[in-house]
N, C-alpha and C. Protein backbone atom coordinates (compact mmCIF):
# COMPACT_ATOMS: atom_id res chain seq x y z
N MET A 1 0.84 -1.17 0.00
CA MET A 1 0.00 0.00 0.00
C MET A 1 0.89 1.24 0.00
N ARG A 2 0.57 2.18 -0.85
CA ARG A 2 1.36 3.41 -0.95
C ARG A 2 0.87 4.42 0.07
N THR A 3 1.81 5.20 0.55
CA THR A 3 1.49 6.25 1.51
C THR A 3 1.23 7.54 0.76
N SER A 4 0.17 8.24 1.13
CA SER A 4 -0.17 9.48 0.44
C SER A 4 0.79 10.59 0.83
N PRO A 5 0.97 11.57 -0.06
CA PRO A 5 1.85 12.70 0.26
C PRO A 5 1.39 13.47 1.50
N TYR A 6 0.09 13.55 1.71
CA TYR A 6 -0.43 14.26 2.88
C TYR A 6 -0.02 13.56 4.18
N THR A 7 -0.07 12.23 4.20
CA THR A 7 0.35 11.47 5.37
C THR A 7 1.83 11.67 5.64
N MET A 8 2.62 11.63 4.57
CA MET A 8 4.06 11.85 4.73
C MET A 8 4.35 13.26 5.23
N ALA A 9 3.58 14.25 4.77
CA ALA A 9 3.76 15.62 5.24
C ALA A 9 3.45 15.72 6.73
N LEU A 10 2.42 15.03 7.18
CA LEU A 10 2.10 15.03 8.61
C LEU A 10 3.20 14.37 9.44
N ILE A 11 3.74 13.29 8.93
CA ILE A 11 4.82 12.59 9.64
C ILE A 11 6.05 13.48 9.75
N TYR A 12 6.45 14.08 8.62
CA TYR A 12 7.63 14.95 8.64
C TYR A 12 7.39 16.20 9.48
N GLY A 13 6.19 16.74 9.46
CA GLY A 13 5.88 17.89 10.30
C GLY A 13 5.96 17.55 11.77
N ALA A 14 5.46 16.37 12.14
CA ALA A 14 5.53 15.94 13.54
C ALA A 14 6.98 15.70 13.96
N MET A 15 7.78 15.12 13.08
CA MET A 15 9.19 14.92 13.41
C MET A 15 9.92 16.26 13.54
N GLY A 16 9.57 17.23 12.69
CA GLY A 16 10.17 18.55 12.80
C GLY A 16 9.82 19.21 14.12
N ALA A 17 8.57 19.06 14.55
CA ALA A 17 8.16 19.61 15.84
C ALA A 17 8.89 18.92 16.99
N LEU A 18 9.06 17.61 16.88
CA LEU A 18 9.77 16.86 17.91
C LEU A 18 11.23 17.31 18.01
N PHE A 19 11.90 17.44 16.87
CA PHE A 19 13.30 17.87 16.89
C PHE A 19 13.44 19.31 17.37
N THR A 20 12.46 20.16 17.07
CA THR A 20 12.49 21.52 17.60
C THR A 20 12.36 21.51 19.12
N TYR A 21 11.45 20.69 19.63
CA TYR A 21 11.29 20.56 21.08
C TYR A 21 12.58 20.06 21.73
N LEU A 22 13.19 19.04 21.12
CA LEU A 22 14.43 18.51 21.68
C LEU A 22 15.55 19.55 21.66
N ALA A 23 15.60 20.35 20.61
CA ALA A 23 16.63 21.39 20.53
C ALA A 23 16.41 22.45 21.61
N ILE A 24 15.17 22.81 21.85
CA ILE A 24 14.88 23.78 22.91
C ILE A 24 15.28 23.23 24.27
N GLN A 25 15.00 21.95 24.49
CA GLN A 25 15.36 21.34 25.77
C GLN A 25 16.87 21.18 25.93
N SER A 26 17.60 21.03 24.82
CA SER A 26 19.05 20.82 24.92
C SER A 26 19.82 22.13 25.07
N ALA A 27 19.18 23.26 24.83
CA ALA A 27 19.86 24.56 24.98
C ALA A 27 19.83 24.96 26.45
N LYS A 28 20.92 24.70 27.13
CA LYS A 28 20.97 24.98 28.56
C LYS A 28 21.37 26.43 28.82
N GLU A 29 22.61 26.79 28.55
CA GLU A 29 23.04 28.16 28.77
C GLU A 29 23.04 28.97 27.48
N THR A 30 23.41 28.34 26.39
CA THR A 30 23.52 29.04 25.12
C THR A 30 22.99 28.14 24.01
N ILE A 31 22.59 28.75 22.92
CA ILE A 31 22.10 27.94 21.80
C ILE A 31 23.22 27.55 20.86
N TRP A 32 24.41 28.06 21.09
CA TRP A 32 25.52 27.82 20.17
C TRP A 32 26.33 26.59 20.56
N ASN A 33 25.67 25.49 20.85
CA ASN A 33 26.40 24.24 21.05
C ASN A 33 26.02 23.28 19.92
N PHE A 34 26.84 22.25 19.76
CA PHE A 34 26.71 21.37 18.61
C PHE A 34 25.36 20.64 18.58
N SER A 35 24.92 20.13 19.70
CA SER A 35 23.68 19.33 19.70
C SER A 35 22.46 20.18 19.34
N THR A 36 22.40 21.40 19.83
CA THR A 36 21.26 22.27 19.53
C THR A 36 21.23 22.63 18.05
N ILE A 37 22.39 22.98 17.50
CA ILE A 37 22.44 23.35 16.08
C ILE A 37 22.11 22.15 15.21
N LEU A 38 22.62 20.97 15.56
CA LEU A 38 22.32 19.77 14.77
C LEU A 38 20.83 19.44 14.80
N LEU A 39 20.22 19.51 15.97
CA LEU A 39 18.79 19.23 16.08
C LEU A 39 17.95 20.23 15.29
N MET A 40 18.34 21.50 15.31
CA MET A 40 17.60 22.51 14.54
C MET A 40 17.78 22.31 13.04
N MET A 41 18.96 21.85 12.61
CA MET A 41 19.16 21.57 11.18
C MET A 41 18.28 20.40 10.74
N ILE A 42 18.17 19.38 11.57
CA ILE A 42 17.30 18.24 11.25
C ILE A 42 15.84 18.69 11.22
N ALA A 43 15.44 19.54 12.16
CA ALA A 43 14.06 20.05 12.19
C ALA A 43 13.77 20.88 10.94
N THR A 44 14.72 21.69 10.51
CA THR A 44 14.54 22.50 9.31
C THR A 44 14.36 21.61 8.09
N PHE A 45 15.17 20.55 7.99
CA PHE A 45 15.03 19.61 6.88
C PHE A 45 13.65 18.96 6.90
N ASP A 46 13.19 18.54 8.07
CA ASP A 46 11.88 17.89 8.18
C ASP A 46 10.75 18.84 7.79
N PHE A 47 10.80 20.09 8.26
CA PHE A 47 9.75 21.05 7.90
C PHE A 47 9.76 21.34 6.40
N SER A 48 10.94 21.47 5.80
CA SER A 48 10.99 21.75 4.36
C SER A 48 10.49 20.55 3.55
N THR A 49 10.77 19.34 4.01
CA THR A 49 10.26 18.15 3.33
C THR A 49 8.75 18.07 3.46
N ALA A 50 8.20 18.43 4.61
CA ALA A 50 6.75 18.44 4.79
C ALA A 50 6.09 19.44 3.85
N ILE A 51 6.69 20.61 3.69
CA ILE A 51 6.14 21.61 2.77
C ILE A 51 6.20 21.10 1.34
N ARG A 52 7.29 20.42 0.98
CA ARG A 52 7.39 19.86 -0.37
C ARG A 52 6.30 18.82 -0.62
N PHE A 53 6.02 17.97 0.36
CA PHE A 53 4.97 16.96 0.20
C PHE A 53 3.60 17.62 0.05
N ILE A 54 3.35 18.69 0.77
CA ILE A 54 2.07 19.40 0.64
C ILE A 54 1.94 20.00 -0.75
N LEU A 55 3.02 20.61 -1.24
CA LEU A 55 2.98 21.19 -2.59
C LEU A 55 2.85 20.11 -3.65
N TYR A 56 3.48 18.96 -3.42
CA TYR A 56 3.36 17.84 -4.35
C TYR A 56 1.92 17.33 -4.40
N ARG A 57 1.26 17.27 -3.25
CA ARG A 57 -0.14 16.84 -3.21
C ARG A 57 -1.03 17.80 -3.98
N ARG A 58 -0.77 19.11 -3.82
CA ARG A 58 -1.54 20.10 -4.58
C ARG A 58 -1.35 19.92 -6.08
N MET A 59 -0.10 19.65 -6.48
CA MET A 59 0.18 19.46 -7.90
C MET A 59 -0.56 18.24 -8.44
N ILE A 60 -0.59 17.16 -7.68
CA ILE A 60 -1.30 15.96 -8.12
C ILE A 60 -2.79 16.23 -8.25
N LYS A 61 -3.38 16.91 -7.26
CA LYS A 61 -4.81 17.22 -7.31
C LYS A 61 -5.13 18.14 -8.48
N LYS A 62 -4.24 19.07 -8.77
CA LYS A 62 -4.47 20.01 -9.87
C LYS A 62 -4.42 19.28 -11.21
N ARG A 63 -3.52 18.32 -11.36
CA ARG A 63 -3.42 17.57 -12.61
C ARG A 63 -4.61 16.64 -12.82
N LYS A 64 -5.19 16.14 -11.74
CA LYS A 64 -6.34 15.24 -11.86
C LYS A 64 -7.59 15.97 -12.31
N SER A 65 -7.73 17.22 -11.92
CA SER A 65 -8.96 17.94 -12.27
C SER A 65 -8.81 18.74 -13.54
């Protein structure tokens, strides 16, 4: 069974929110440590992938109609 782009967008959005939460929790005194920056980079990738899946879903719906 294939996964719809909307479902994948929700999964990536949830992972982005999780990594953002973890980055906020890992910033103790300063945000300029390796773990915080790495977690925020992963969250940014997840959010951008979620946006791409949403745009891909719109493109598919537009081509069908």
